[in-house]
N, C-alpha and C. Protein backbone atom coordinates (compact mmCIF):
# COMPACT_ATOMS: atom_id res chain seq x y z
N MET A 1 0.77 -1.09 -0.02
CA MET A 1 0.19 0.09 0.20
C MET A 1 0.91 1.13 0.10
N ILE A 2 0.53 2.01 -0.80
CA ILE A 2 1.34 3.45 -0.90
C ILE A 2 0.58 4.77 -0.11
N GLU A 3 1.11 5.22 0.49
CA GLU A 3 0.55 6.18 1.19
C GLU A 3 1.30 7.55 0.57
N ILE A 4 0.44 8.64 0.12
CA ILE A 4 0.76 9.69 -0.45
C ILE A 4 0.14 11.04 0.65
N ASN A 5 1.03 11.72 0.84
CA ASN A 5 0.67 12.76 1.97
C ASN A 5 0.93 14.35 1.10
N LEU A 6 -0.29 14.71 0.95
CA LEU A 6 0.06 16.53 0.16
C LEU A 6 -0.38 17.65 1.28
N THR A 7 0.15 17.20 2.41
CA THR A 7 0.59 18.49 3.31
C THR A 7 1.97 18.63 3.15
N PRO A 8 2.01 19.97 3.09
CA PRO A 8 3.51 20.36 3.15
C PRO A 8 4.15 20.32 4.35
N ILE A 9 5.26 19.83 4.23
CA ILE A 9 6.41 19.51 4.88
C ILE A 9 6.50 20.03 6.34
N GLU A 10 6.28 21.58 6.62
CA GLU A 10 6.58 22.12 7.81
C GLU A 10 4.96 21.93 8.39
N SER A 11 4.11 21.91 7.98
CA SER A 11 2.49 21.45 8.35
C SER A 11 2.57 19.94 9.41
N ARG A 12 3.34 19.28 8.48
CA ARG A 12 3.15 17.53 8.83
C ARG A 12 3.07 17.42 10.30
N LYS A 13 2.59 16.54 11.08
CA LYS A 13 3.07 15.97 12.66
C LYS A 13 4.09 15.32 12.32
N LYS A 14 4.98 15.57 13.09
CA LYS A 14 6.30 14.88 13.12
C LYS A 14 6.41 13.58 14.03
N ARG A 15 6.53 12.48 13.70
CA ARG A 15 6.34 11.36 14.40
C ARG A 15 7.64 11.04 15.71
N LYS A 16 7.14 10.48 16.70
CA LYS A 16 8.13 10.35 17.82
C LYS A 16 9.58 9.14 17.01
N LYS A 17 10.51 9.57 17.44
CA LYS A 17 11.39 8.56 17.18
C LYS A 17 11.90 7.66 18.08
N GLY A 18 11.97 6.42 17.79
CA GLY A 18 12.44 5.28 18.54
C GLY A 18 11.41 4.54 19.34
N THR A 19 10.16 4.69 19.08
CA THR A 19 9.08 3.99 19.76
C THR A 19 9.06 2.40 19.64
N PHE A 20 8.26 1.78 20.42
CA PHE A 20 8.61 0.34 20.60
C PHE A 20 7.77 -0.13 19.41
N MET A 21 6.95 0.21 19.21
CA MET A 21 6.17 -0.41 17.67
C MET A 21 6.29 0.14 16.46
N LYS A 22 7.34 0.92 16.51
CA LYS A 22 7.39 1.24 15.23
C LYS A 22 7.56 0.50 13.98
N GLY A 23 6.88 0.45 13.26
CA GLY A 23 6.96 -0.26 11.97
C GLY A 23 6.48 -1.73 12.33
N LEU A 24 5.94 -2.09 13.47
CA LEU A 24 5.46 -3.14 13.66
C LEU A 24 3.95 -3.15 13.27
N ASN A 25 3.33 -4.08 12.52
CA ASN A 25 2.31 -4.22 12.20
C ASN A 25 1.63 -5.28 12.60
N VAL A 26 1.19 -5.72 13.44
CA VAL A 26 0.84 -7.06 14.45
C VAL A 26 -0.56 -6.87 14.22
N PRO A 27 -1.64 -8.18 13.83
CA PRO A 27 -2.92 -8.26 13.65
C PRO A 27 -3.12 -8.47 15.14
N LEU A 28 -4.27 -7.91 15.71
CA LEU A 28 -4.92 -8.03 16.71
C LEU A 28 -5.28 -9.73 17.23
N GLU A 29 -5.34 -10.36 16.53
CA GLU A 29 -5.63 -11.95 16.57
C GLU A 29 -4.21 -12.26 17.17
N VAL A 30 -3.18 -12.20 16.77
CA VAL A 30 -1.72 -12.60 17.58
C VAL A 30 -1.87 -12.00 18.84
N ILE A 31 -2.01 -10.75 18.96
CA ILE A 31 -2.03 -10.23 20.38
C ILE A 31 -2.93 -10.64 21.42
N ILE A 32 -4.25 -11.13 20.90
CA ILE A 32 -5.16 -11.54 21.74
C ILE A 32 -4.62 -12.93 21.91
N GLY A 33 -4.28 -13.73 20.64
CA GLY A 33 -3.60 -15.03 21.21
C GLY A 33 -2.26 -15.22 22.23
N LEU A 34 -1.44 -13.97 21.86
CA LEU A 34 -0.74 -13.92 23.18
C LEU A 34 -1.12 -14.21 24.70
N GLY A 35 -1.67 -13.17 24.57
CA GLY A 35 -2.43 -12.69 26.23
C GLY A 35 -3.22 -13.60 26.40
N GLY A 36 -3.83 -14.50 25.46
CA GLY A 36 -4.82 -15.81 26.17
C GLY A 36 -3.41 -16.69 26.19
N GLY A 37 -2.28 -17.17 25.67
CA GLY A 37 -1.67 -17.79 26.18
C GLY A 37 -0.62 -17.27 27.17
N LEU A 38 -0.46 -16.48 27.55
CA LEU A 38 0.33 -16.29 28.65
C LEU A 38 -0.59 -16.17 30.11
N LEU A 39 -2.23 -15.79 29.70
CA LEU A 39 -3.24 -16.10 30.88
C LEU A 39 -3.30 -17.54 30.90
N GLY A 40 -3.15 -18.92 30.22
CA GLY A 40 -3.31 -20.03 30.35
C GLY A 40 -1.82 -20.41 30.91
N LEU A 41 -0.80 -20.04 30.90
CA LEU A 41 0.38 -20.31 31.37
C LEU A 41 0.46 -20.30 32.81
N LEU A 42 -0.12 -18.64 33.05
CA LEU A 42 0.01 -18.17 34.27
C LEU A 42 -1.41 -19.07 35.35
N LEU A 43 -2.31 -19.40 34.61
CA LEU A 43 -3.27 -20.58 35.11
C LEU A 43 -2.58 -21.85 35.42
N CYS A 44 -1.95 -22.51 34.46
CA CYS A 44 -1.32 -23.70 34.66
C CYS A 44 -0.16 -23.66 35.82
N VAL A 45 0.45 -22.38 36.14
CA VAL A 45 1.43 -22.34 36.92
C VAL A 45 0.76 -22.40 38.69
N TYR A 46 -0.24 -21.57 38.66
CA TYR A 46 -1.04 -21.46 39.59
C TYR A 46 -1.73 -22.75 39.99
N VAL A 47 -2.01 -23.63 38.74
CA VAL A 47 -2.65 -24.97 39.25
C VAL A 47 -1.66 -25.82 40.06
N LEU A 48 -0.73 -26.12 39.70
CA LEU A 48 0.73 -26.54 39.91
C LEU A 48 1.01 -26.18 41.00
N LEU A 49 0.74 -24.88 41.75
CA LEU A 49 1.57 -24.55 42.90
C LEU A 49 0.43 -25.02 43.96
N ILE A 50 -1.06 -24.98 43.39
CA ILE A 50 -2.18 -25.16 44.60
C ILE A 50 -1.71 -27.09 44.70
N ILE A 51 -1.53 -27.70 43.63
CA ILE A 51 -1.36 -29.07 43.71
C ILE A 51 -0.19 -29.31 44.65
N ALA A 52 1.07 -28.85 44.52
CA ALA A 52 2.29 -28.74 45.32
C ALA A 52 1.79 -28.44 46.55
N ASN A 53 1.17 -27.34 46.87
CA ASN A 53 0.64 -26.89 48.13
C ASN A 53 -0.01 -27.99 48.83
N LEU A 54 -1.02 -28.99 48.14
CA LEU A 54 -1.66 -29.51 48.66
C LEU A 54 -0.84 -31.18 49.33
N GLY A 55 -0.01 -31.45 48.15
CA GLY A 55 0.90 -32.30 48.14
C GLY A 55 1.41 -32.09 49.81
N LYS A 56 2.00 -30.93 49.92
CA LYS A 56 3.04 -30.58 51.31
C LYS A 56 2.27 -30.48 52.58
N ALA A 57 0.85 -29.68 52.39
CA ALA A 57 -0.43 -30.57 53.52
C ALA A 57 -0.85 -31.55 53.83
N GLY A 58 -0.69 -32.50 52.78
CA GLY A 58 -0.65 -33.70 53.20
C GLY A 58 0.38 -34.30 53.93
N GLU A 59 1.42 -34.17 53.21
CA GLU A 59 2.64 -34.43 54.11
C GLU A 59 2.74 -33.93 55.70
N LEU A 60 2.28 -32.67 55.63
CA LEU A 60 2.31 -32.33 56.98
C LEU A 60 1.46 -32.69 58.06
N MET A 61 -0.01 -33.11 57.52
CA MET A 61 -0.67 -34.08 58.42
C MET A 61 -0.38 -35.22 58.71
N SER A 62 0.45 -35.76 57.58
CA SER A 62 1.18 -37.48 58.05
C SER A 62 2.25 -37.07 59.03
N LEU A 63 2.83 -36.08 59.25
CA LEU A 63 3.95 -35.77 60.05
C LEU A 63 2.91 -35.72 61.28
N LYS A 64 2.22 -35.02 61.29
CA LYS A 64 1.45 -34.63 62.61
C LYS A 64 0.73 -35.89 63.47
N LYS A 65 0.45 -36.74 62.68
CA LYS A 65 -0.06 -38.07 62.65
C LYS A 65 1.11 -38.87 63.72
N GLN A 66 1.99 -39.02 62.84
CA GLN A 66 3.30 -39.77 63.43
C GLN A 66 3.84 -38.75 64.92
N TRP A 67 4.00 -37.92 64.83
CA TRP A 67 4.05 -36.85 66.18
C TRP A 67 3.04 -37.46 67.06
N GLU A 68 2.18 -37.52 66.82
CA GLU A 68 1.10 -37.67 67.82
C GLU A 68 0.95 -39.08 68.60
N GLN A 69 1.23 -40.06 67.36
CA GLN A 69 1.94 -41.48 68.04
C GLN A 69 3.02 -41.29 68.29
N MET A 70 3.85 -40.57 68.67
CA MET A 70 5.10 -40.63 69.15
C MET A 70 5.06 -40.27 70.60
N GLN A 71 4.09 -39.19 70.96
CA GLN A 71 3.86 -38.57 72.15
C GLN A 71 3.94 -39.40 73.29
N PRO A 72 3.25 -40.54 73.44
CA PRO A 72 3.58 -41.42 74.73
C PRO A 72 4.80 -41.85 74.86
N THR A 73 5.42 -42.27 73.74
CA THR A 73 6.85 -42.63 74.24
C THR A 73 7.79 -41.47 74.33
N LYS A 74 7.53 -40.31 73.67
CA LYS A 74 8.06 -39.56 74.15
C LYS A 74 8.07 -39.18 75.76
N VAL A 75 7.22 -39.11 76.19
CA VAL A 75 6.38 -38.45 77.63
C VAL A 75 7.41 -39.69 78.59
N LYS A 76 7.27 -41.35 78.01
CA LYS A 76 8.25 -41.83 78.87
C LYS A 76 9.33 -41.92 78.85
N ILE A 77 9.90 -41.38 77.63
CA ILE A 77 11.50 -41.00 77.68
C ILE A 77 11.82 -39.75 78.27
N ASP A 78 10.89 -38.80 78.38
CA ASP A 78 11.06 -37.52 79.19
C ASP A 78 11.27 -38.05 80.68
N GLY A 79 10.30 -38.79 81.01
CA GLY A 79 10.13 -39.57 82.59
C GLY A 79 11.87 -40.03 82.70
N VAL A 80 11.94 -41.19 81.71
CA VAL A 80 13.14 -41.72 82.15
C VAL A 80 14.47 -40.89 82.21
N LEU A 81 14.44 -39.66 81.58
CA LEU A 81 15.73 -38.83 81.15
C LEU A 81 16.06 -38.07 82.59
N SER A 82 14.55 -37.82 82.97
CA SER A 82 14.30 -37.01 84.18
C SER A 82 14.95 -37.69 85.49
N GLU A 83 14.64 -39.05 85.48
CA GLU A 83 14.85 -39.92 86.36
C GLU A 83 16.32 -40.36 86.54
N LEU A 84 17.18 -40.51 85.26
CA LEU A 84 18.65 -40.46 84.97
C LEU A 84 19.47 -39.54 85.46
N ARG A 85 18.85 -38.26 85.51
CA ARG A 85 19.25 -37.10 85.71
C ARG A 85 19.24 -37.12 87.49
N SER A 86 18.33 -37.39 87.68
CA SER A 86 18.04 -37.27 89.19
C SER A 86 19.05 -38.45 90.24
N LEU A 87 19.16 -39.43 89.18
CA LEU A 87 19.68 -40.72 89.79
C LEU A 87 21.48 -40.31 89.54
N GLN A 88 22.05 -39.41 88.57
CA GLN A 88 23.11 -38.93 87.96
C GLN A 88 23.51 -38.21 89.31
N SER A 89 22.54 -37.00 89.92
CA SER A 89 22.79 -36.36 90.53
C SER A 89 23.17 -36.90 92.28
N ILE A 90 22.30 -37.83 92.34
CA ILE A 90 22.29 -38.50 93.46
C ILE A 90 24.08 -39.12 93.89
N LYS A 91 24.33 -39.51 92.27
CA LYS A 91 25.38 -40.64 92.12
C LYS A 91 26.77 -39.51 92.71
N SER A 92 26.36 -38.26 92.17
CA SER A 92 27.47 -37.54 92.11
C SER A 92 27.73 -36.75 93.73
N ASP A 93 26.57 -36.63 94.17
CA ASP A 93 26.82 -36.18 95.73
C ASP A 93 27.41 -37.49 96.68
N VAL A 94 26.86 -38.71 96.21
CA VAL A 94 27.36 -39.82 97.14
C VAL A 94 28.98 -39.76 96.77
N GLU A 95 29.32 -39.61 95.26
CA GLU A 95 30.72 -39.71 95.06
C GLU A 95 31.49 -38.77 95.90
N LYS A 96 31.13 -37.46 95.49
CA LYS A 96 31.68 -36.06 96.78
C LYS A 96 31.86 -36.63 98.02
N ILE A 97 30.86 -37.02 98.57
CA ILE A 97 30.80 -37.17 100.14
C ILE A 97 31.95 -38.76 100.42
N CYS A 98 31.95 -39.66 99.50
CA CYS A 98 32.78 -41.02 99.77
C CYS A 98 34.22 -40.39 99.49
N THR A 99 34.08 -39.38 98.49
CA THR A 99 35.85 -39.15 98.24
C THR A 99 36.33 -37.99 98.86
N ALA A 100 35.38 -37.08 99.24
CA ALA A 100 35.97 -35.97 100.06
C ALA A 100 36.40 -36.34 101.59
N ASN A 101 35.36 -37.02 102.12
CA ASN A 101 35.91 -37.41 103.40
C ASN A 101 35.97 -38.77 103.87
N ARG A 102 37.02 -39.37 102.85
CA ARG A 102 36.94 -40.79 102.90
C ARG A 102 37.56 -41.27 104.43
N ILE A 103 36.79 -41.75 105.10
CA ILE A 103 36.91 -42.20 106.38
C ILE A 103 37.01 -43.73 106.54
N VAL A 104 37.97 -44.47 106.78
CA VAL A 104 38.09 -45.83 106.93
C VAL A 104 37.75 -46.17 108.63
N TRP A 105 36.36 -46.58 108.19
CA TRP A 105 35.58 -46.97 109.13
C TRP A 105 36.17 -48.25 110.15
N SER A 106 36.51 -48.87 109.16
CA SER A 106 37.07 -50.40 110.04
C SER A 106 37.88 -50.26 110.86
N LYS A 107 38.69 -49.16 110.13
CA LYS A 107 39.88 -48.90 111.34
C LYS A 107 39.76 -48.15 112.50
N LYS A 108 38.55 -47.10 112.49
CA LYS A 108 38.13 -46.17 113.59
C LYS A 108 37.33 -47.35 114.83
N LEU A 109 36.55 -48.25 114.28
CA LEU A 109 35.80 -49.11 115.10
C LEU A 109 36.65 -49.95 115.56
N ASN A 110 37.88 -50.55 115.01
CA ASN A 110 38.78 -51.60 115.95
C ASN A 110 39.43 -50.47 116.64
N ILE A 111 39.81 -49.08 116.59
CA ILE A 111 40.40 -48.45 117.78
C ILE A 111 39.37 -48.31 118.91
N ILE A 112 38.23 -48.08 118.39
CA ILE A 112 37.03 -48.06 119.61
C ILE A 112 37.08 -49.05 120.27
N ALA A 113 37.13 -50.43 119.81
CA ALA A 113 37.03 -51.69 120.50
C ALA A 113 38.09 -51.83 121.53
N ASP A 114 39.55 -51.35 121.06
CA ASP A 114 40.62 -51.55 121.60
C ASP A 114 40.64 -50.34 122.82
N LEU A 115 40.22 -49.55 122.74
CA LEU A 115 40.18 -48.47 123.71
C LEU A 115 38.87 -48.76 125.35
N LEU A 116 37.65 -49.58 124.54
CA LEU A 116 36.92 -49.57 125.82
C LEU A 116 37.51 -49.78 127.18
N THR A 117 37.27 -49.37 127.81
CA THR A 117 37.42 -49.79 129.25
C THR A 117 36.75 -50.73 130.01
N LYS A 118 37.09 -51.19 131.02
CA LYS A 118 36.64 -51.82 131.82
C LYS A 118 35.39 -51.84 132.42
N GLY A 119 34.34 -52.67 132.04
CA GLY A 119 32.89 -52.11 132.76
C GLY A 119 32.21 -51.24 131.75
N VAL A 120 32.73 -50.64 130.63
CA VAL A 120 32.07 -49.84 129.70
C VAL A 120 32.04 -50.81 128.32
N TRP A 121 30.35 -50.74 127.69
CA TRP A 121 30.35 -50.98 126.35
C TRP A 121 29.63 -50.26 125.80
N LEU A 122 29.43 -50.49 124.31
CA LEU A 122 28.45 -49.76 123.40
C LEU A 122 27.19 -50.31 123.13
N THR A 123 26.04 -49.61 123.19
CA THR A 123 24.98 -50.37 122.73
C THR A 123 24.60 -49.76 121.27
N ARG A 124 25.12 -48.61 120.78
CA ARG A 124 24.17 -48.29 119.29
C ARG A 124 25.36 -47.21 118.73
N MET A 125 25.50 -47.26 117.70
CA MET A 125 26.06 -46.15 116.77
C MET A 125 25.25 -45.47 115.71
N GLU A 126 25.32 -44.38 116.04
CA GLU A 126 24.63 -43.59 114.67
C GLU A 126 25.42 -42.83 114.32
N GLN A 127 25.34 -42.68 112.67
CA GLN A 127 26.44 -41.80 112.01
C GLN A 127 25.56 -40.68 111.24
N GLY A 128 25.64 -39.52 111.18
CA GLY A 128 24.92 -38.42 110.57
C GLY A 128 25.94 -37.85 109.47
N GLU A 129 25.62 -36.97 109.02
CA GLU A 129 26.64 -36.45 107.73
C GLU A 129 27.64 -35.84 108.22
N LYS A 130 27.84 -35.24 109.27
CA LYS A 130 29.21 -35.09 110.03
C LYS A 130 29.28 -35.34 111.82
N ILE A 131 28.68 -36.09 112.07
CA ILE A 131 28.95 -36.58 113.03
C ILE A 131 28.70 -38.03 113.45
N LEU A 132 29.20 -38.59 114.54
CA LEU A 132 29.16 -40.06 114.91
C LEU A 132 28.70 -40.09 116.52
N VAL A 133 27.59 -40.88 116.80
CA VAL A 133 27.12 -40.60 118.18
C VAL A 133 27.51 -42.03 118.63
N LEU A 134 28.21 -42.47 119.97
CA LEU A 134 28.11 -43.49 120.38
C LEU A 134 27.45 -43.52 121.67
N LYS A 135 26.59 -44.49 121.91
CA LYS A 135 25.93 -44.52 123.26
C LYS A 135 26.77 -46.21 123.50
N GLY A 136 26.12 -46.06 124.81
CA GLY A 136 26.64 -47.18 125.67
C GLY A 136 26.25 -47.01 127.06
N ARG A 137 26.66 -48.08 127.93
CA ARG A 137 26.71 -48.06 129.64
C ARG A 137 27.69 -48.72 130.03
N ALA A 138 27.64 -48.30 131.48
CA ALA A 138 28.74 -48.56 132.12
C ALA A 138 28.44 -48.97 133.54
N ILE A 139 29.28 -50.18 133.71
CA ILE A 139 28.97 -50.53 135.34
C ILE A 139 30.29 -50.96 135.87
N SER A 140 30.15 -50.56 137.36
CA SER A 140 31.32 -50.59 137.86
C SER A 140 31.03 -51.31 139.28
N LYS A 141 31.79 -52.32 139.95
CA LYS A 141 31.50 -52.74 141.37
C LYS A 141 32.05 -51.81 142.26
N GLN A 142 33.20 -51.01 142.03
CA GLN A 142 33.98 -50.05 142.75
C GLN A 142 33.54 -48.69 142.78
N ASN A 143 32.49 -48.42 142.40
CA ASN A 143 32.01 -47.22 142.11
C ASN A 143 32.89 -46.22 141.19
N GLU A 144 33.65 -47.21 140.69
CA GLU A 144 34.54 -46.15 139.36
C GLU A 144 33.76 -45.83 137.91
N VAL A 145 32.54 -45.69 137.95
CA VAL A 145 31.76 -46.03 136.80
C VAL A 145 32.12 -44.48 136.04
N MET A 146 31.90 -43.61 136.49
CA MET A 146 32.05 -42.19 136.02
C MET A 146 33.64 -42.15 135.77
N SER A 147 34.36 -42.57 136.40
CA SER A 147 36.19 -42.28 136.13
C SER A 147 36.21 -43.15 134.79
N ASN A 148 35.65 -44.37 134.29
CA ASN A 148 35.44 -45.31 133.24
C ASN A 148 35.21 -44.78 132.13
N ILE A 149 33.81 -43.89 132.27
CA ILE A 149 33.47 -43.06 131.23
C ILE A 149 34.40 -42.35 130.74
N HIS A 150 35.09 -41.31 131.36
CA HIS A 150 35.84 -40.24 131.30
C HIS A 150 37.25 -40.65 130.96
N ALA A 151 37.57 -41.79 131.18
CA ALA A 151 39.01 -42.48 130.92
C ALA A 151 39.01 -42.90 129.31
N PHE A 152 37.44 -43.47 128.77
CA PHE A 152 37.16 -44.08 127.48
C PHE A 152 37.38 -42.83 126.60
N VAL A 153 36.45 -41.91 127.07
CA VAL A 153 37.01 -40.57 126.26
C VAL A 153 37.94 -40.13 126.16
N ALA A 154 38.72 -39.99 127.01
CA ALA A 154 40.56 -39.40 127.11
C ALA A 154 40.97 -40.23 126.42
N LYS A 155 40.74 -41.91 126.52
CA LYS A 155 41.60 -42.44 125.47
C LYS A 155 41.32 -42.06 123.88
N LEU A 156 39.87 -42.01 123.45
CA LEU A 156 39.54 -41.84 121.88
C LEU A 156 40.43 -40.34 121.73
N LYS A 157 40.38 -39.26 122.52
CA LYS A 157 40.68 -37.91 122.25
C LYS A 157 42.20 -38.40 122.12
N GLY A 158 43.04 -38.98 122.76
CA GLY A 158 44.47 -39.09 122.86
C GLY A 158 44.88 -40.13 121.93
N SER A 159 43.96 -40.72 121.16
CA SER A 159 44.44 -41.57 119.99
C SER A 159 44.66 -40.59 118.79
N ALA A 160 45.91 -40.69 118.11
CA ALA A 160 45.76 -40.09 117.21
C ALA A 160 45.26 -40.52 115.68
N ASP A 161 45.23 -42.10 115.69
CA ASP A 161 44.64 -42.59 114.64
C ASP A 161 43.14 -42.42 114.47
N PHE A 162 42.83 -42.28 116.00
CA PHE A 162 40.79 -42.20 116.03
C PHE A 162 41.06 -40.80 115.58
N MET A 163 41.54 -40.08 115.58
CA MET A 163 41.43 -38.28 115.73
C MET A 163 41.64 -37.69 114.37
N ALA A 164 42.18 -38.88 113.44
CA ALA A 164 42.78 -38.32 112.02
C ALA A 164 41.39 -37.73 111.15
N ASP A 165 40.30 -37.72 111.31
CA ASP A 165 39.24 -37.29 110.43
C ASP A 165 38.00 -36.63 111.61
N VAL A 166 38.94 -36.36 112.85
CA VAL A 166 37.42 -36.22 113.52
C VAL A 166 38.12 -34.33 113.88
N LYS A 167 37.17 -33.80 114.40
CA LYS A 167 37.34 -32.50 114.96
C LYS A 167 37.40 -32.38 116.12
N ASP A 168 36.36 -33.21 116.97
CA ASP A 168 36.42 -33.00 118.50
C ASP A 168 35.48 -34.26 118.75
N VAL A 169 35.84 -34.75 120.23
CA VAL A 169 34.94 -35.70 120.62
C VAL A 169 34.57 -35.10 122.22
N GLU A 170 33.11 -35.61 122.22
CA GLU A 170 32.42 -34.47 123.38
C GLU A 170 31.87 -35.92 124.30
N LEU A 171 31.80 -35.50 125.66
CA LEU A 171 31.08 -36.53 126.48
C LEU A 171 29.58 -35.75 126.40
N GLY A 172 28.32 -36.56 126.09
CA GLY A 172 27.11 -36.10 126.36
C GLY A 172 26.50 -36.63 127.15
N ASN A 173 24.98 -36.51 127.50
CA ASN A 173 24.20 -36.96 128.62
C ASN A 173 24.84 -38.24 129.40
N ILE A 174 24.73 -38.16 130.32
CA ILE A 174 24.76 -39.35 131.50
C ILE A 174 23.63 -39.53 132.32
N LEU A 175 23.04 -40.87 132.48
CA LEU A 175 21.96 -41.11 132.90
C LEU A 175 21.93 -42.47 133.17
N ALA A 176 21.14 -42.26 134.61
CA ALA A 176 21.45 -43.60 135.53
C ALA A 176 20.32 -44.20 134.94
N ALA A 177 20.32 -45.99 135.23
CA ALA A 177 19.38 -46.86 134.47
C ALA A 177 19.78 -47.95 135.58
N LYS A 178 18.70 -48.61 135.44
CA LYS A 178 18.63 -50.06 136.05
C LYS A 178 18.21 -51.22 135.02
N VAL A 179 19.22 -52.15 134.65
CA VAL A 179 19.11 -53.30 133.90
C VAL A 179 18.96 -54.50 134.81
N ASN A 180 17.62 -55.06 134.68
CA ASN A 180 17.35 -56.08 135.83
C ASN A 180 17.35 -55.43 136.83
N THR A 181 18.41 -56.19 137.93
CA THR A 181 18.59 -55.66 139.15
C THR A 181 19.97 -54.65 139.17
N VAL A 182 20.46 -54.63 138.22
CA VAL A 182 21.96 -53.82 138.36
C VAL A 182 21.74 -52.37 137.84
N ASP A 183 22.31 -51.42 138.68
CA ASP A 183 22.39 -50.19 138.29
C ASP A 183 23.51 -49.92 137.29
N VAL A 184 23.39 -49.24 136.53
CA VAL A 184 23.86 -48.88 135.39
C VAL A 184 24.19 -47.41 135.09
N LEU A 185 25.12 -46.75 134.21
CA LEU A 185 24.88 -45.55 133.57
C LEU A 185 25.04 -45.69 132.32
N GLU A 186 24.15 -44.79 131.71
CA GLU A 186 24.11 -44.74 130.21
C GLU A 186 24.35 -43.11 129.76
N PHE A 187 25.16 -43.34 129.01
CA PHE A 187 26.07 -42.50 128.45
C PHE A 187 25.71 -42.03 126.58
N SER A 188 26.21 -41.04 126.42
CA SER A 188 26.48 -40.64 124.79
C SER A 188 27.63 -39.75 124.44
N ILE A 189 28.44 -40.42 123.30
CA ILE A 189 29.67 -39.50 122.96
C ILE A 189 29.46 -39.06 121.95
N LYS A 190 29.54 -38.06 121.45
CA LYS A 190 29.39 -37.02 120.36
C LYS A 190 30.60 -37.00 119.64
N VAL A 191 31.04 -37.44 118.40
CA VAL A 191 32.30 -37.20 117.80
C VAL A 191 31.95 -36.54 116.38
N ASN A 192 32.39 -35.46 116.04
CA ASN A 192 32.15 -34.37 115.28
C ASN A 192 33.35 -34.67 114.37
N LEU A 193 32.99 -34.99 113.11
CA LEU A 193 33.44 -35.30 112.21
C LEU A 193 33.99 -34.01 111.00
N LYS A 194 35.53 -33.89 110.64
CA LYS A 194 35.67 -33.18 109.78
C LYS A 194 35.21 -33.22 108.42
């Protein structure tokens, strides 16, 4: 097609240079087809994203079911772990006590047995955290009961082997008592440990 323009050159409308569609003569059907194709492609991508999202939602539901099935086991495991921590704490406390204040009791008991004076015997021993209490009785036919008890305490204080992990030895209460027909004195000795 030939175009003839009869208007003088000075009066003619000047066309803008560098336009995007300059010289392109694209039919309307092609533009509609490209727009429809682009819209169809976007629709396909949207549908694929929805399908992928549904797949992930199904996987999430499956994982939630597995988690719910594991909950009772998890509760049991948490209980066992808690008990284990408690036992480890007790074990470490016992190890601290055993290693920090390592007292050889067999040696101390042998010393106590060797130092018992005539007419004095022990009826009970009680050990606390930092204390050992010796309870006993004493009898004497010549009224030397008090001196026998004091002599026993003095022997304990004088024994370097016995005093090795001991701070102090104190004579506690002395009470008069009767065992069958015999008069005795019941006493207690408090041994403070280091």
